[in-house]
Amino acid sequence: MDSDSRAAAGLLATLTRVAHLLADLHHPFARSAAFSYFVPPAGTRMGTVFTLPDGREVQIALTVTADAHGFAIDGAITAEDEVLLALPRKHTPDVDDGLAVLDDYADQLTRPAVRMLDGLLDDIV
């Protein structure tokens, strides 16, 4: 397998792992639904959307796009129009660096997710 094929396989494995990590986020008092979709011309957006008992939606999502210059990765936790946590867009020319950023961003989003949901639920009652 050449280096380009190894890089593509690594990208696919990391995207799959991160999508599963985000899809496995659950909260006992909020409905959740995982999502992933294509972002033209070469990217994906993946995450989970939670619906709180008051109807508000909280979205935890990562976006990865690729172009001739490399990869761009960003992520956020949003409640309707309010940004609760925004990770800055990082650009990397190298696939391995991009995968490291993607793993790091997935961790930075999933670690505080339940705590943030708990805080929003406390505001309801």
Protein backbone atom coordinates (compact mmCIF):
# COMPACT_ATOMS: atom_id res chain seq x y z
CA MET A 1 0.00 0.00 0.00
CA ASP A 2 1.47 3.38 -0.97
CA SER A 3 1.55 6.39 1.35
CA ASP A 4 -1.49 8.06 -0.26
CA SER A 5 -3.55 4.92 0.26
CA ARG A 6 -2.38 4.66 3.88
CA ALA A 7 -3.33 8.30 4.43
CA ALA A 8 -6.78 7.74 2.93
CA ALA A 9 -7.32 4.65 5.09
CA GLY A 10 -6.24 6.60 8.19
CA LEU A 11 -8.61 9.43 7.34
CA LEU A 12 -11.51 7.03 6.87
CA ALA A 13 -10.74 5.22 10.14
CA THR A 14 -10.52 8.48 12.09
CA LEU A 15 -13.70 9.91 10.57
CA THR A 16 -15.54 6.70 11.44
CA ARG A 17 -14.20 6.66 15.01
CA VAL A 18 -15.11 10.32 15.59
CA ALA A 19 -18.58 9.88 14.08
CA HIS A 20 -19.21 6.94 16.43
CA LEU A 21 -17.89 8.92 19.41
CA LEU A 22 -20.28 11.78 18.67
CA ALA A 23 -23.17 9.43 17.91
CA ASP A 24 -22.69 7.67 21.25
CA LEU A 25 -23.38 10.87 23.20
CA HIS A 26 -26.61 10.47 25.16
CA HIS A 27 -28.39 12.16 28.02
CA PRO A 28 -31.18 10.57 30.06
CA PHE A 29 -33.39 13.67 29.92
CA ALA A 30 -32.93 14.77 26.29
CA ARG A 31 -33.72 13.00 23.04
CA SER A 32 -30.74 12.67 20.74
CA ALA A 33 -30.15 11.91 17.08
CA ALA A 34 -26.82 11.43 15.38
CA PHE A 35 -26.21 13.01 11.99
CA SER A 36 -23.56 13.16 9.31
CA TYR A 37 -23.73 14.69 5.89
CA PHE A 38 -21.58 15.68 2.96
CA VAL A 39 -20.23 19.24 2.81
CA PRO A 40 -19.39 20.19 -0.79
CA PRO A 41 -16.97 20.04 -2.44
CA ALA A 42 -15.02 17.61 -0.19
CA GLY A 43 -16.01 17.44 3.43
CA THR A 44 -18.30 16.14 6.12
CA ARG A 45 -20.22 17.47 9.10
CA MET A 46 -20.99 15.00 11.87
CA GLY A 47 -22.42 15.15 15.34
CA THR A 48 -25.44 14.72 17.56
CA VAL A 49 -28.43 16.97 18.09
CA PHE A 50 -30.24 16.90 21.44
CA THR A 51 -33.81 18.06 21.90
CA LEU A 52 -34.43 19.44 25.37
CA PRO A 53 -37.84 19.09 27.06
CA ASP A 54 -38.60 22.76 26.27
CA GLY A 55 -38.04 22.09 22.55
CA ARG A 56 -34.65 23.78 22.18
CA GLU A 57 -32.06 21.94 20.16
CA VAL A 58 -28.45 21.56 21.23
CA GLN A 59 -26.03 20.53 18.51
CA ILE A 60 -22.57 19.06 19.06
CA ALA A 61 -20.77 18.94 15.73
CA LEU A 62 -17.44 18.72 13.94
CA THR A 63 -16.79 19.76 10.35
CA VAL A 64 -13.88 18.53 8.24
CA THR A 65 -13.21 19.86 4.74
CA ALA A 66 -10.39 19.21 2.32
CA ASP A 67 -8.99 21.18 -0.59
CA ALA A 68 -5.72 21.45 -2.50
CA HIS A 69 -4.08 23.11 0.51
CA GLY A 70 -4.98 20.45 3.07
CA PHE A 71 -7.65 20.09 5.71
CA ALA A 72 -9.77 22.47 7.77
CA ILE A 73 -11.40 21.28 10.99
CA ASP A 74 -13.77 23.14 13.31
CA GLY A 75 -16.35 22.24 15.90
CA ALA A 76 -18.94 23.71 18.20
CA ILE A 77 -21.62 23.12 20.75
CA THR A 78 -24.62 25.35 20.08
CA ALA A 79 -28.01 25.77 21.69
CA GLU A 80 -30.29 27.18 19.01
CA ASP A 81 -28.46 30.41 18.02
CA GLU A 82 -26.26 30.57 21.13
CA VAL A 83 -22.70 29.29 20.81
CA LEU A 84 -21.78 27.49 24.02
CA LEU A 85 -18.35 26.31 22.87
CA ALA A 86 -16.60 27.12 19.60
CA LEU A 87 -13.36 25.52 18.53
CA PRO A 88 -11.41 27.70 16.08
CA ARG A 89 -11.01 26.53 12.50
CA LYS A 90 -7.61 24.91 12.15
CA HIS A 91 -5.93 24.43 8.79
CA THR A 92 -3.32 21.75 8.26
CA PRO A 93 -1.55 20.76 5.04
CA ASP A 94 -0.75 17.26 6.28
CA VAL A 95 -3.28 14.45 6.71
CA ASP A 96 -1.63 13.13 9.88
CA ASP A 97 -1.73 16.58 11.47
CA GLY A 98 -5.36 16.92 10.40
CA LEU A 99 -6.23 13.59 12.02
CA ALA A 100 -4.55 14.70 15.25
CA VAL A 101 -6.59 17.92 15.26
CA LEU A 102 -9.78 15.95 14.53
CA ASP A 103 -9.15 13.58 17.46
CA ASP A 104 -8.30 16.50 19.75
CA TYR A 105 -11.41 18.45 18.74
CA ALA A 106 -13.64 15.40 19.22
CA ASP A 107 -12.30 15.09 22.77
CA GLN A 108 -12.75 18.82 23.44
CA LEU A 109 -16.40 18.61 22.38
CA THR A 110 -17.41 15.35 24.03
CA ARG A 111 -15.82 15.94 27.46
CA PRO A 112 -18.00 18.95 28.44
CA ALA A 113 -21.12 17.90 26.50
CA VAL A 114 -23.07 16.22 29.32
CA ARG A 115 -22.13 18.96 31.81
CA MET A 116 -23.40 21.61 29.38
CA LEU A 117 -26.61 19.70 28.79
CA ASP A 118 -27.09 19.37 32.56
CA GLY A 119 -26.69 23.15 32.90
CA LEU A 120 -29.27 23.82 30.19
CA LEU A 121 -31.69 21.35 31.79
CA ASP A 122 -31.20 22.99 35.21
CA ASP A 123 -32.26 26.30 33.64
CA ILE A 124 -35.58 24.74 32.60
CA VAL A 125 -36.66 23.61 36.08
